[in-house]
Amino acid sequence: MSAAGPFKPGDPLLDILLEGLDHIDEVLWIRDLAEERLLYISPAFARIWGRSVEALLGNPRIWIESVHPEDRERVMGAALNNARTGRDEMEYRVIRPDGTPRWVYDRSYPIRNRQGEIYRLVGIVEDVTDKRKPKSK
């Protein structure tokens, strides 16, 4: 099997990869542009957003509805542009269900098909809240 080849269900390497994603602090997401759906979101989403992965997959609007109202229009515009260009990075706030704000740094990268067209996006979201807090002397 080549490292670039597709994984098959039950593939031990896929199982190891998915298990590893359970233990990283950043969110990994994969979005299919043609089907306009989220293919994968890692468990860190629940830790940062305070909402379950299952809830997001059942209602993808949870993502944009969780974005701070002052950031929402900018984030939505960037997400729409990202579908065309494929590469983006932005910082914005999300509001957890308990009202706690979190700052996140969201980066996305294009995945192109054989014709060179962007058909998927993969992204990484990092919680940068603690990095934004002023350091005490």
N, C-alpha and C. Protein backbone atom coordinates (compact mmCIF):
# COMPACT_ATOMS: atom_id res chain seq x y z
N MET A 1 0.85 -1.19 0.00
CA MET A 1 0.00 0.00 0.00
C MET A 1 0.89 1.24 0.00
N SER A 2 0.60 2.20 -0.85
CA SER A 2 1.38 3.43 -0.87
C SER A 2 0.85 4.38 0.19
N ALA A 3 1.72 5.27 0.66
CA ALA A 3 1.31 6.23 1.68
C ALA A 3 0.23 7.16 1.16
N ALA A 4 0.19 7.39 -0.16
CA ALA A 4 -0.80 8.30 -0.72
C ALA A 4 -2.08 7.58 -1.12
N GLY A 5 -2.09 6.25 -1.09
CA GLY A 5 -3.26 5.49 -1.53
C GLY A 5 -4.43 5.63 -0.58
N PRO A 6 -5.62 5.33 -1.06
CA PRO A 6 -6.79 5.45 -0.21
C PRO A 6 -6.81 4.37 0.87
N PHE A 7 -7.35 4.73 2.02
CA PHE A 7 -7.51 3.76 3.10
C PHE A 7 -8.78 2.96 2.86
N LYS A 8 -8.79 1.76 3.34
CA LYS A 8 -9.98 0.91 3.28
C LYS A 8 -10.47 0.69 4.70
N PRO A 9 -11.79 0.55 4.89
CA PRO A 9 -12.29 0.29 6.24
C PRO A 9 -11.56 -0.91 6.84
N GLY A 10 -11.20 -0.77 8.11
CA GLY A 10 -10.47 -1.83 8.79
C GLY A 10 -8.98 -1.79 8.59
N ASP A 11 -8.49 -0.87 7.74
CA ASP A 11 -7.07 -0.73 7.51
C ASP A 11 -6.41 -0.33 8.83
N PRO A 12 -5.42 -1.09 9.30
CA PRO A 12 -4.79 -0.77 10.58
C PRO A 12 -4.19 0.64 10.63
N LEU A 13 -3.63 1.11 9.52
CA LEU A 13 -3.06 2.45 9.50
C LEU A 13 -4.15 3.51 9.67
N LEU A 14 -5.31 3.30 9.07
CA LEU A 14 -6.42 4.23 9.24
C LEU A 14 -6.87 4.23 10.70
N ASP A 15 -6.96 3.07 11.30
CA ASP A 15 -7.35 2.99 12.71
C ASP A 15 -6.36 3.75 13.59
N ILE A 16 -5.08 3.62 13.30
CA ILE A 16 -4.04 4.32 14.07
C ILE A 16 -4.17 5.83 13.88
N LEU A 17 -4.39 6.25 12.65
CA LEU A 17 -4.55 7.67 12.35
C LEU A 17 -5.75 8.24 13.11
N LEU A 18 -6.88 7.58 13.04
CA LEU A 18 -8.08 8.06 13.72
C LEU A 18 -7.90 8.08 15.23
N GLU A 19 -7.23 7.07 15.76
CA GLU A 19 -6.96 7.04 17.20
C GLU A 19 -6.06 8.22 17.58
N GLY A 20 -5.08 8.50 16.75
CA GLY A 20 -4.18 9.63 17.01
C GLY A 20 -4.92 10.96 17.02
N LEU A 21 -5.89 11.11 16.14
CA LEU A 21 -6.66 12.36 16.08
C LEU A 21 -7.48 12.59 17.34
N ASP A 22 -7.78 11.53 18.07
CA ASP A 22 -8.49 11.67 19.34
C ASP A 22 -7.64 12.39 20.38
N HIS A 23 -6.33 12.45 20.16
CA HIS A 23 -5.42 12.93 21.18
C HIS A 23 -4.71 14.23 20.83
N ILE A 24 -5.11 14.89 19.76
CA ILE A 24 -4.50 16.18 19.45
C ILE A 24 -5.47 17.30 19.82
N ASP A 25 -4.91 18.45 20.15
CA ASP A 25 -5.72 19.58 20.62
C ASP A 25 -6.38 20.33 19.47
N GLU A 26 -5.84 20.24 18.27
CA GLU A 26 -6.39 20.98 17.14
C GLU A 26 -7.51 20.17 16.47
N VAL A 27 -8.42 20.92 15.86
CA VAL A 27 -9.50 20.29 15.10
C VAL A 27 -9.01 20.07 13.67
N LEU A 28 -9.20 18.88 13.16
CA LEU A 28 -8.96 18.58 11.75
C LEU A 28 -10.33 18.42 11.11
N TRP A 29 -10.56 19.11 9.98
CA TRP A 29 -11.83 18.96 9.28
C TRP A 29 -11.57 18.76 7.79
N ILE A 30 -12.50 18.03 7.16
CA ILE A 30 -12.43 17.79 5.72
C ILE A 30 -13.82 18.05 5.15
N ARG A 31 -13.87 18.90 4.15
CA ARG A 31 -15.15 19.30 3.54
C ARG A 31 -15.16 18.95 2.05
N ASP A 32 -16.24 18.33 1.61
CA ASP A 32 -16.43 18.01 0.19
C ASP A 32 -17.20 19.15 -0.44
N LEU A 33 -16.62 19.81 -1.44
CA LEU A 33 -17.26 20.97 -2.04
C LEU A 33 -18.40 20.58 -2.98
N ALA A 34 -18.24 19.50 -3.73
CA ALA A 34 -19.29 19.08 -4.67
C ALA A 34 -20.55 18.67 -3.92
N GLU A 35 -20.38 17.92 -2.85
CA GLU A 35 -21.53 17.45 -2.06
C GLU A 35 -21.95 18.47 -1.01
N GLU A 36 -21.15 19.53 -0.86
CA GLU A 36 -21.41 20.57 0.14
C GLU A 36 -21.69 19.97 1.51
N ARG A 37 -20.75 19.10 1.95
CA ARG A 37 -20.93 18.51 3.27
C ARG A 37 -19.58 18.28 3.93
N LEU A 38 -19.64 18.20 5.23
CA LEU A 38 -18.48 17.92 6.03
C LEU A 38 -18.26 16.42 6.03
N LEU A 39 -17.07 15.99 5.60
CA LEU A 39 -16.77 14.56 5.56
C LEU A 39 -16.20 14.06 6.88
N TYR A 40 -15.46 14.95 7.56
CA TYR A 40 -14.82 14.53 8.81
C TYR A 40 -14.58 15.75 9.68
N ILE A 41 -14.73 15.56 10.98
CA ILE A 41 -14.33 16.56 11.97
C ILE A 41 -13.78 15.80 13.16
N SER A 42 -12.62 16.19 13.64
CA SER A 42 -11.98 15.45 14.73
C SER A 42 -12.62 15.78 16.08
N PRO A 43 -12.38 14.92 17.06
CA PRO A 43 -12.99 15.08 18.39
C PRO A 43 -12.64 16.39 19.10
N ALA A 44 -11.55 17.04 18.73
CA ALA A 44 -11.18 18.30 19.37
C ALA A 44 -12.25 19.37 19.17
N PHE A 45 -13.10 19.20 18.15
CA PHE A 45 -14.20 20.14 17.94
C PHE A 45 -15.03 20.27 19.22
N ALA A 46 -15.36 19.15 19.83
CA ALA A 46 -16.19 19.16 21.04
C ALA A 46 -15.49 19.89 22.18
N ARG A 47 -14.18 19.73 22.29
CA ARG A 47 -13.43 20.38 23.36
C ARG A 47 -13.38 21.90 23.17
N ILE A 48 -13.28 22.36 21.94
CA ILE A 48 -13.18 23.80 21.69
C ILE A 48 -14.56 24.45 21.61
N TRP A 49 -15.46 23.88 20.83
CA TRP A 49 -16.78 24.47 20.61
C TRP A 49 -17.76 24.16 21.75
N GLY A 50 -17.49 23.11 22.53
CA GLY A 50 -18.43 22.74 23.59
C GLY A 50 -19.68 22.09 23.06
N ARG A 51 -19.61 21.58 21.85
CA ARG A 51 -20.73 20.89 21.19
C ARG A 51 -20.20 19.59 20.62
N SER A 52 -21.05 18.61 20.53
CA SER A 52 -20.58 17.30 20.06
C SER A 52 -20.36 17.29 18.55
N VAL A 53 -19.46 16.42 18.14
CA VAL A 53 -19.22 16.19 16.71
C VAL A 53 -20.52 15.72 16.05
N GLU A 54 -21.24 14.84 16.73
CA GLU A 54 -22.51 14.32 16.19
C GLU A 54 -23.51 15.45 15.94
N ALA A 55 -23.57 16.41 16.87
CA ALA A 55 -24.48 17.55 16.70
C ALA A 55 -24.11 18.35 15.46
N LEU A 56 -22.81 18.58 15.25
CA LEU A 56 -22.36 19.33 14.08
C LEU A 56 -22.66 18.58 12.79
N LEU A 57 -22.38 17.28 12.76
CA LEU A 57 -22.65 16.50 11.55
C LEU A 57 -24.16 16.46 11.26
N GLY A 58 -24.97 16.46 12.30
CA GLY A 58 -26.43 16.47 12.12
C GLY A 58 -26.97 17.82 11.71
N ASN A 59 -26.27 18.89 12.11
CA ASN A 59 -26.70 20.24 11.78
C ASN A 59 -25.46 21.10 11.55
N PRO A 60 -24.94 21.11 10.31
CA PRO A 60 -23.71 21.85 10.02
C PRO A 60 -23.78 23.35 10.30
N ARG A 61 -24.99 23.90 10.41
CA ARG A 61 -25.13 25.33 10.72
C ARG A 61 -24.63 25.67 12.12
N ILE A 62 -24.49 24.65 12.96
CA ILE A 62 -23.96 24.89 14.31
C ILE A 62 -22.63 25.63 14.24
N TRP A 63 -21.82 25.29 13.24
CA TRP A 63 -20.50 25.94 13.12
C TRP A 63 -20.66 27.45 12.99
N ILE A 64 -21.39 27.92 11.99
CA ILE A 64 -21.50 29.37 11.77
C ILE A 64 -22.33 30.04 12.86
N GLU A 65 -23.32 29.33 13.39
CA GLU A 65 -24.14 29.90 14.46
C GLU A 65 -23.33 30.08 15.74
N SER A 66 -22.25 29.32 15.90
CA SER A 66 -21.38 29.43 17.07
C SER A 66 -20.37 30.56 16.95
N VAL A 67 -20.17 31.07 15.74
CA VAL A 67 -19.22 32.17 15.53
C VAL A 67 -19.81 33.43 16.17
N HIS A 68 -18.96 34.18 16.86
CA HIS A 68 -19.38 35.42 17.51
C HIS A 68 -20.10 36.30 16.48
N PRO A 69 -21.24 36.91 16.86
CA PRO A 69 -22.00 37.74 15.91
C PRO A 69 -21.17 38.83 15.23
N GLU A 70 -20.20 39.41 15.94
CA GLU A 70 -19.37 40.45 15.34
C GLU A 70 -18.40 39.90 14.30
N ASP A 71 -18.12 38.60 14.33
CA ASP A 71 -17.18 37.97 13.39
C ASP A 71 -17.89 37.20 12.28
N ARG A 72 -19.18 36.94 12.46
CA ARG A 72 -19.90 36.00 11.59
C ARG A 72 -19.88 36.39 10.11
N GLU A 73 -20.17 37.65 9.78
CA GLU A 73 -20.22 38.05 8.36
C GLU A 73 -18.85 37.89 7.70
N ARG A 74 -17.80 38.29 8.40
CA ARG A 74 -16.43 38.16 7.86
C ARG A 74 -16.07 36.69 7.66
N VAL A 75 -16.40 35.85 8.63
CA VAL A 75 -16.08 34.43 8.55
C VAL A 75 -16.87 33.76 7.43
N MET A 76 -18.14 34.10 7.31
CA MET A 76 -18.96 33.52 6.23
C MET A 76 -18.40 33.91 4.86
N GLY A 77 -18.05 35.19 4.70
CA GLY A 77 -17.47 35.65 3.43
C GLY A 77 -16.18 34.93 3.10
N ALA A 78 -15.34 34.75 4.12
CA ALA A 78 -14.08 34.04 3.91
C ALA A 78 -14.33 32.59 3.54
N ALA A 79 -15.31 31.96 4.18
CA ALA A 79 -15.62 30.56 3.88
C ALA A 79 -16.11 30.40 2.44
N LEU A 80 -16.92 31.33 1.98
CA LEU A 80 -17.41 31.26 0.59
C LEU A 80 -16.27 31.48 -0.40
N ASN A 81 -15.40 32.43 -0.11
CA ASN A 81 -14.24 32.68 -0.97
C ASN A 81 -13.29 31.48 -0.95
N ASN A 82 -13.15 30.88 0.20
CA ASN A 82 -12.28 29.73 0.37
C ASN A 82 -12.70 28.57 -0.54
N ALA A 83 -13.99 28.42 -0.76
CA ALA A 83 -14.48 27.35 -1.65
C ALA A 83 -13.97 27.56 -3.08
N ARG A 84 -13.67 28.81 -3.44
CA ARG A 84 -13.15 29.09 -4.79
C ARG A 84 -11.63 29.04 -4.86
N THR A 85 -10.97 29.57 -3.81
CA THR A 85 -9.51 29.68 -3.86
C THR A 85 -8.80 28.53 -3.17
N GLY A 86 -9.45 27.95 -2.17
CA GLY A 86 -8.91 26.79 -1.48
C GLY A 86 -8.00 27.06 -0.31
N ARG A 87 -7.39 28.20 -0.25
CA ARG A 87 -6.44 28.44 0.85
C ARG A 87 -6.88 29.69 1.61
N ASP A 88 -6.89 29.55 2.93
CA ASP A 88 -7.31 30.68 3.74
C ASP A 88 -6.79 30.48 5.16
N GLU A 89 -6.70 31.56 5.88
CA GLU A 89 -6.43 31.49 7.30
C GLU A 89 -7.09 32.70 7.94
N MET A 90 -7.67 32.47 9.09
CA MET A 90 -8.35 33.56 9.78
C MET A 90 -8.48 33.24 11.27
N GLU A 91 -8.62 34.30 12.02
CA GLU A 91 -8.83 34.18 13.44
C GLU A 91 -10.22 34.74 13.73
N TYR A 92 -10.96 34.04 14.58
CA TYR A 92 -12.30 34.50 14.94
C TYR A 92 -12.69 33.91 16.28
N ARG A 93 -13.79 34.42 16.80
CA ARG A 93 -14.28 33.95 18.09
C ARG A 93 -15.46 33.01 17.90
N VAL A 94 -15.52 32.01 18.74
CA VAL A 94 -16.71 31.15 18.83
C VAL A 94 -17.26 31.29 20.25
N ILE A 95 -18.57 31.16 20.35
CA ILE A 95 -19.23 31.24 21.65
C ILE A 95 -19.74 29.84 21.98
N ARG A 96 -19.25 29.30 23.08
CA ARG A 96 -19.69 27.97 23.53
C ARG A 96 -21.11 28.07 24.10
N PRO A 97 -21.83 26.96 24.20
CA PRO A 97 -23.19 26.99 24.73
C PRO A 97 -23.30 27.61 26.13
N ASP A 98 -22.22 27.53 26.92
CA ASP A 98 -22.26 28.13 28.26
C ASP A 98 -21.93 29.63 28.24
N GLY A 99 -21.74 30.19 27.02
CA GLY A 99 -21.47 31.61 26.86
C GLY A 99 -20.00 31.97 26.86
N THR A 100 -19.12 31.01 27.08
CA THR A 100 -17.68 31.25 27.11
C THR A 100 -17.16 31.49 25.69
N PRO A 101 -16.46 32.62 25.48
CA PRO A 101 -15.87 32.84 24.16
C PRO A 101 -14.52 32.13 24.05
N ARG A 102 -14.22 31.64 22.86
CA ARG A 102 -12.91 31.05 22.54
C ARG A 102 -12.43 31.69 21.24
N TRP A 103 -11.16 32.05 21.19
CA TRP A 103 -10.55 32.53 19.97
C TRP A 103 -9.95 31.33 19.25
N VAL A 104 -10.18 31.23 17.94
CA VAL A 104 -9.62 30.15 17.16
C VAL A 104 -8.88 30.70 15.94
N TYR A 105 -7.87 29.94 15.54
CA TYR A 105 -7.10 30.24 14.33
C TYR A 105 -7.38 29.09 13.37
N ASP A 106 -8.04 29.39 12.26
CA ASP A 106 -8.55 28.40 11.32
C ASP A 106 -7.78 28.54 10.00
N ARG A 107 -7.16 27.43 9.57
CA ARG A 107 -6.42 27.42 8.31
C ARG A 107 -7.00 26.33 7.42
N SER A 108 -7.08 26.61 6.12
CA SER A 108 -7.58 25.59 5.20
C SER A 108 -6.68 25.49 3.99
N TYR A 109 -6.72 24.30 3.39
CA TYR A 109 -5.85 23.97 2.26
C TYR A 109 -6.67 23.22 1.22
N PRO A 110 -6.41 23.48 -0.06
CA PRO A 110 -7.17 22.81 -1.12
C PRO A 110 -6.68 21.40 -1.40
N ILE A 111 -7.61 20.56 -1.77
CA ILE A 111 -7.29 19.23 -2.31
C ILE A 111 -7.83 19.25 -3.74
N ARG A 112 -6.97 18.99 -4.69
CA ARG A 112 -7.35 19.07 -6.10
C ARG A 112 -7.52 17.68 -6.71
N ASN A 113 -8.43 17.59 -7.67
CA ASN A 113 -8.60 16.33 -8.39
C ASN A 113 -7.57 16.27 -9.53
N ARG A 114 -7.65 15.25 -10.34
CA ARG A 114 -6.67 15.07 -11.42
C ARG A 114 -6.73 16.17 -12.48
N GLN A 115 -7.85 16.85 -12.56
CA GLN A 115 -7.99 17.96 -13.51
C GLN A 115 -7.49 19.28 -12.91
N GLY A 116 -7.03 19.24 -11.67
CA GLY A 116 -6.53 20.45 -11.03
C GLY A 116 -7.59 21.29 -10.35
N GLU A 117 -8.82 20.79 -10.31
CA GLU A 117 -9.91 21.53 -9.69
C GLU A 117 -9.97 21.22 -8.20
N ILE A 118 -10.29 22.25 -7.42
CA ILE A 118 -10.45 22.04 -5.98
C ILE A 118 -11.77 21.31 -5.76
N TYR A 119 -11.71 20.15 -5.12
CA TYR A 119 -12.94 19.42 -4.85
C TYR A 119 -13.15 19.15 -3.37
N ARG A 120 -12.10 19.32 -2.59
CA ARG A 120 -12.20 19.18 -1.14
C ARG A 120 -11.32 20.22 -0.49
N LEU A 121 -11.66 20.53 0.75
CA LEU A 121 -10.82 21.37 1.58
C LEU A 121 -10.49 20.60 2.84
N VAL A 122 -9.28 20.77 3.32
CA VAL A 122 -8.89 20.20 4.61
C VAL A 122 -8.43 21.38 5.46
N GLY A 123 -8.80 21.35 6.72
CA GLY A 123 -8.45 22.47 7.57
C GLY A 123 -8.03 22.04 8.96
N ILE A 124 -7.36 22.96 9.62
CA ILE A 124 -6.90 22.77 10.99
C ILE A 124 -7.34 24.00 11.78
N VAL A 125 -7.97 23.77 12.93
CA VAL A 125 -8.40 24.87 13.79
C VAL A 125 -7.72 24.71 15.14
N GLU A 126 -7.09 25.78 15.57
CA GLU A 126 -6.37 25.79 16.85
C GLU A 126 -7.03 26.78 17.80
N ASP A 127 -7.22 26.39 19.04
CA ASP A 127 -7.72 27.30 20.08
C ASP A 127 -6.55 28.18 20.50
N VAL A 128 -6.66 29.48 20.24
CA VAL A 128 -5.58 30.42 20.57
C VAL A 128 -5.98 31.37 21.70
N THR A 129 -7.03 31.03 22.41
CA THR A 129 -7.53 31.90 23.48
C THR A 129 -6.43 32.26 24.46
N ASP A 130 -5.71 31.28 24.94
CA ASP A 130 -4.67 31.54 25.95
C ASP A 130 -3.53 32.38 25.40
N LYS A 131 -3.27 32.28 24.12
CA LYS A 131 -2.20 33.08 23.50
C LYS A 131 -2.59 34.55 23.39
N ARG A 132 -3.90 34.83 23.39
CA ARG A 132 -4.39 36.19 23.25
C ARG A 132 -4.51 36.90 24.59
N LYS A 133 -4.48 36.16 25.68
CA LYS A 133 -4.61 36.77 27.01
C LYS A 133 -3.34 37.53 27.34
N PRO A 134 -3.50 38.73 27.93
CA PRO A 134 -2.29 39.48 28.31
C PRO A 134 -1.51 38.75 29.39
N LYS A 135 -0.21 38.79 29.27
CA LYS A 135 0.66 38.13 30.24
C LYS A 135 0.70 38.98 31.51
N SER A 136 0.57 38.34 32.67
CA SER A 136 0.66 39.08 33.93
C SER A 136 2.12 39.23 34.32
N LYS A 137 2.43 40.34 34.96
CA LYS A 137 3.84 40.62 35.33
C LYS A 137 4.17 40.05 36.67
